[in-house]
Amino acid sequence: MTEDNVQTRFGMLRFFDGMPTAETVQNMYESMDFIRGIDTFLDLVPMASLEAMRVGFKDFGADECHKVMYFDELLDSNPLFLTGNTDTVYVGCFLDLEKDGPTVFEVPAKMGPGTVNDAYFRFVIDTGSVGPDRGAG
């Protein structure tokens, strides 16, 4: 049996004969919209981060798939990398398969480890010593 009044983090939910009142239904739709807004924001943080990195790389001249950014010093807290480590040497580039078509990405022997991610920061493949060729190049 449903209680007539249920206190929740979304406020008081009121029911009559087990059915939510119009006010409760409206409250729940507004709460679901709010939760979906938070989910959307959190889900898109990785994509927004990579887009900011892509624009930054382009501003420094890495505007084609054959141009890379090489960080010759370890990161500190100044760069706006959401997941940047202070003990990692970074080399990065952005591939545009729609523009450039299928692309071969070669990693010289004994280089790495490295990782290839997609535009949503999802893992694609490891390179170098942890990749399929185990660093053989």
C-alpha atoms as a PDB file:
ATOM      1  CA  MET A   1       0.000   0.000   0.000  1.00  0.00           C
ATOM      2  CA  THR A   2       1.411   3.398  -0.994  1.00  0.00           C
ATOM      3  CA  GLU A   3       1.620   6.014   1.729  1.00  0.00           C
ATOM      4  CA  ASP A   4      -0.366   9.210   1.107  1.00  0.00           C
ATOM      5  CA  ASN A   5       2.739  11.350   1.736  1.00  0.00           C
ATOM      6  CA  VAL A   6       6.350  10.359   1.160  1.00  0.00           C
ATOM      7  CA  GLN A   7       9.205  12.718   2.073  1.00  0.00           C
ATOM      8  CA  THR A   8      12.094  12.490  -0.436  1.00  0.00           C
ATOM      9  CA  ARG A   9      15.141  14.531  -1.423  1.00  0.00           C
ATOM     10  CA  PHE A  10      12.873  15.947  -4.142  1.00  0.00           C
ATOM     11  CA  GLY A  11      10.358  17.175  -1.601  1.00  0.00           C
ATOM     12  CA  MET A  12       7.086  15.791  -0.358  1.00  0.00           C
ATOM     13  CA  LEU A  13       5.405  13.411  -2.796  1.00  0.00           C
ATOM     14  CA  ARG A  14       1.652  13.170  -2.355  1.00  0.00           C
ATOM     15  CA  PHE A  15      -0.592  10.298  -3.457  1.00  0.00           C
ATOM     16  CA  PHE A  16      -4.304   9.640  -3.470  1.00  0.00           C
ATOM     17  CA  ASP A  17      -5.404   6.004  -3.630  1.00  0.00           C
ATOM     18  CA  GLY A  18      -1.871   5.084  -4.725  1.00  0.00           C
ATOM     19  CA  MET A  19      -1.825   7.571  -7.613  1.00  0.00           C
ATOM     20  CA  PRO A  20       0.486  10.612  -7.559  1.00  0.00           C
ATOM     21  CA  THR A  21      -1.165  14.007  -7.461  1.00  0.00           C
ATOM     22  CA  ALA A  22      -0.699  16.367 -10.411  1.00  0.00           C
ATOM     23  CA  GLU A  23       1.700  18.407  -8.269  1.00  0.00           C
ATOM     24  CA  THR A  24       3.788  15.305  -7.509  1.00  0.00           C
ATOM     25  CA  VAL A  25       3.876  14.295 -11.186  1.00  0.00           C
ATOM     26  CA  GLN A  26       5.048  17.802 -12.160  1.00  0.00           C
ATOM     27  CA  ASN A  27       7.664  17.768  -9.398  1.00  0.00           C
ATOM     28  CA  MET A  28       9.027  14.431 -10.623  1.00  0.00           C
ATOM     29  CA  TYR A  29       9.221  15.585 -14.268  1.00  0.00           C
ATOM     30  CA  GLU A  30      11.123  18.690 -13.179  1.00  0.00           C
ATOM     31  CA  SER A  31      13.436  16.572 -11.008  1.00  0.00           C
ATOM     32  CA  MET A  32      14.101  14.167 -13.904  1.00  0.00           C
ATOM     33  CA  ASP A  33      14.898  17.117 -16.205  1.00  0.00           C
ATOM     34  CA  PHE A  34      17.354  18.431 -13.611  1.00  0.00           C
ATOM     35  CA  ILE A  35      19.037  15.019 -13.213  1.00  0.00           C
ATOM     36  CA  ARG A  36      19.290  14.599 -16.991  1.00  0.00           C
ATOM     37  CA  GLY A  37      20.915  18.025 -17.215  1.00  0.00           C
ATOM     38  CA  ILE A  38      23.551  16.972 -14.674  1.00  0.00           C
ATOM     39  CA  ASP A  39      24.100  13.677 -16.524  1.00  0.00           C
ATOM     40  CA  THR A  40      24.520  15.523 -19.831  1.00  0.00           C
ATOM     41  CA  PHE A  41      27.056  17.902 -18.328  1.00  0.00           C
ATOM     42  CA  LEU A  42      29.087  15.114 -16.722  1.00  0.00           C
ATOM     43  CA  ASP A  43      28.897  12.883 -19.808  1.00  0.00           C
ATOM     44  CA  LEU A  44      30.285  15.654 -22.039  1.00  0.00           C
ATOM     45  CA  VAL A  45      33.215  16.750 -19.833  1.00  0.00           C
ATOM     46  CA  PRO A  46      35.677  14.363 -21.601  1.00  0.00           C
ATOM     47  CA  MET A  47      34.621  15.572 -25.046  1.00  0.00           C
ATOM     48  CA  ALA A  48      34.855  19.234 -24.004  1.00  0.00           C
ATOM     49  CA  SER A  49      38.318  18.574 -22.555  1.00  0.00           C
ATOM     50  CA  LEU A  50      39.592  16.995 -25.772  1.00  0.00           C
ATOM     51  CA  GLU A  51      38.077  19.745 -27.914  1.00  0.00           C
ATOM     52  CA  ALA A  52      39.883  22.354 -25.797  1.00  0.00           C
ATOM     53  CA  MET A  53      43.115  20.366 -26.241  1.00  0.00           C
ATOM     54  CA  ARG A  54      42.535  20.153 -30.018  1.00  0.00           C
ATOM     55  CA  VAL A  55      42.059  23.928 -30.253  1.00  0.00           C
ATOM     56  CA  GLY A  56      45.155  24.500 -28.096  1.00  0.00           C
ATOM     57  CA  PHE A  57      47.258  22.166 -30.243  1.00  0.00           C
ATOM     58  CA  LYS A  58      46.019  23.973 -33.364  1.00  0.00           C
ATOM     59  CA  ASP A  59      46.925  27.354 -31.833  1.00  0.00           C
ATOM     60  CA  PHE A  60      50.502  26.054 -31.395  1.00  0.00           C
ATOM     61  CA  GLY A  61      50.692  24.893 -35.021  1.00  0.00           C
ATOM     62  CA  ALA A  62      49.696  21.222 -34.719  1.00  0.00           C
ATOM     63  CA  ASP A  63      46.857  21.723 -37.176  1.00  0.00           C
ATOM     64  CA  GLU A  64      47.338  18.644 -39.386  1.00  0.00           C
ATOM     65  CA  CYS A  65      47.496  14.942 -38.548  1.00  0.00           C
ATOM     66  CA  HIS A  66      51.227  14.801 -39.372  1.00  0.00           C
ATOM     67  CA  LYS A  67      52.051  17.620 -36.913  1.00  0.00           C
ATOM     68  CA  VAL A  68      52.422  16.696 -33.249  1.00  0.00           C
ATOM     69  CA  MET A  69      52.809  18.508 -29.964  1.00  0.00           C
ATOM     70  CA  TYR A  70      55.797  17.387 -27.928  1.00  0.00           C
ATOM     71  CA  PHE A  71      56.024  18.552 -24.339  1.00  0.00           C
ATOM     72  CA  ASP A  72      59.729  18.747 -23.560  1.00  0.00           C
ATOM     73  CA  GLU A  73      59.104  19.365 -19.851  1.00  0.00           C
ATOM     74  CA  LEU A  74      56.928  17.580 -17.340  1.00  0.00           C
ATOM     75  CA  LEU A  75      53.567  19.182 -16.626  1.00  0.00           C
ATOM     76  CA  ASP A  76      52.888  21.252 -13.550  1.00  0.00           C
ATOM     77  CA  SER A  77      49.516  22.538 -12.401  1.00  0.00           C
ATOM     78  CA  ASN A  78      49.368  25.385 -14.958  1.00  0.00           C
ATOM     79  CA  PRO A  79      48.097  23.586 -18.114  1.00  0.00           C
ATOM     80  CA  LEU A  80      44.378  22.963 -18.230  1.00  0.00           C
ATOM     81  CA  PHE A  81      44.693  19.211 -18.807  1.00  0.00           C
ATOM     82  CA  LEU A  82      41.902  17.519 -16.895  1.00  0.00           C
ATOM     83  CA  THR A  83      43.892  14.319 -16.516  1.00  0.00           C
ATOM     84  CA  GLY A  84      47.464  15.494 -17.011  1.00  0.00           C
ATOM     85  CA  ASN A  85      50.114  13.727 -14.928  1.00  0.00           C
ATOM     86  CA  THR A  86      53.199  15.521 -13.616  1.00  0.00           C
ATOM     87  CA  ASP A  87      55.437  12.489 -14.225  1.00  0.00           C
ATOM     88  CA  THR A  88      54.587  11.809 -17.879  1.00  0.00           C
ATOM     89  CA  VAL A  89      56.215  13.115 -21.057  1.00  0.00           C
ATOM     90  CA  TYR A  90      53.396  13.957 -23.463  1.00  0.00           C
ATOM     91  CA  VAL A  91      53.328  13.767 -27.243  1.00  0.00           C
ATOM     92  CA  GLY A  92      49.994  14.281 -28.924  1.00  0.00           C
ATOM     93  CA  CYS A  93      48.256  14.769 -32.211  1.00  0.00           C
ATOM     94  CA  PHE A  94      44.714  14.776 -33.474  1.00  0.00           C
ATOM     95  CA  LEU A  95      43.606  12.597 -36.365  1.00  0.00           C
ATOM     96  CA  ASP A  96      40.671  13.602 -38.544  1.00  0.00           C
ATOM     97  CA  LEU A  97      39.691  10.413 -40.341  1.00  0.00           C
ATOM     98  CA  GLU A  98      36.825  12.191 -42.088  1.00  0.00           C
ATOM     99  CA  LYS A  99      39.303  14.665 -43.626  1.00  0.00           C
ATOM    100  CA  ASP A 100      42.369  12.441 -44.037  1.00  0.00           C
ATOM    101  CA  GLY A 101      40.795   9.025 -44.518  1.00  0.00           C
ATOM    102  CA  PRO A 102      42.322   5.828 -43.115  1.00  0.00           C
ATOM    103  CA  THR A 103      45.522   6.701 -41.307  1.00  0.00           C
ATOM    104  CA  VAL A 104      48.507   4.551 -40.339  1.00  0.00           C
ATOM    105  CA  PHE A 105      49.968   5.507 -36.990  1.00  0.00           C
ATOM    106  CA  GLU A 106      53.517   4.196 -36.643  1.00  0.00           C
ATOM    107  CA  VAL A 107      55.363   4.103 -33.330  1.00  0.00           C
ATOM    108  CA  PRO A 108      59.125   3.472 -33.551  1.00  0.00           C
ATOM    109  CA  ALA A 109      60.588   0.436 -31.808  1.00  0.00           C
ATOM    110  CA  LYS A 110      61.231   0.735 -28.067  1.00  0.00           C
ATOM    111  CA  MET A 111      59.026   3.839 -27.767  1.00  0.00           C
ATOM    112  CA  GLY A 112      56.149   4.257 -25.393  1.00  0.00           C
ATOM    113  CA  PRO A 113      54.097   3.161 -23.732  1.00  0.00           C
ATOM    114  CA  GLY A 114      51.328   5.227 -25.243  1.00  0.00           C
ATOM    115  CA  THR A 115      47.600   5.232 -25.720  1.00  0.00           C
ATOM    116  CA  VAL A 116      45.248   6.136 -28.538  1.00  0.00           C
ATOM    117  CA  ASN A 117      41.889   7.552 -27.459  1.00  0.00           C
ATOM    118  CA  ASP A 118      38.878   8.577 -29.490  1.00  0.00           C
ATOM    119  CA  ALA A 119      37.302  12.053 -29.440  1.00  0.00           C
ATOM    120  CA  TYR A 120      35.373  11.096 -26.320  1.00  0.00           C
ATOM    121  CA  PHE A 121      38.497  10.064 -24.379  1.00  0.00           C
ATOM    122  CA  ARG A 122      37.562   6.385 -24.749  1.00  0.00           C
ATOM    123  CA  PHE A 123      40.400   3.903 -25.052  1.00  0.00           C
ATOM    124  CA  VAL A 124      41.137   2.623 -28.580  1.00  0.00           C
ATOM    125  CA  ILE A 125      44.510   0.855 -28.365  1.00  0.00           C
ATOM    126  CA  ASP A 126      47.835   0.892 -26.550  1.00  0.00           C
ATOM    127  CA  THR A 127      51.085   1.601 -28.387  1.00  0.00           C
ATOM    128  CA  GLY A 128      54.732   0.923 -27.663  1.00  0.00           C
ATOM    129  CA  SER A 129      55.803  -1.630 -25.073  1.00  0.00           C
ATOM    130  CA  VAL A 130      52.220  -2.330 -23.968  1.00  0.00           C
ATOM    131  CA  GLY A 131      50.793  -2.382 -27.502  1.00  0.00           C
ATOM    132  CA  PRO A 132      50.109  -5.341 -29.797  1.00  0.00           C
ATOM    133  CA  ASP A 133      53.692  -5.421 -31.123  1.00  0.00           C
ATOM    134  CA  ARG A 134      55.165  -5.144 -27.589  1.00  0.00           C
ATOM    135  CA  GLY A 135      57.382  -2.243 -28.648  1.00  0.00           C
ATOM    136  CA  ALA A 136      58.910  -3.936 -31.675  1.00  0.00           C
ATOM    137  CA  GLY A 137      57.873  -1.026 -33.921  1.00  0.00           C
END
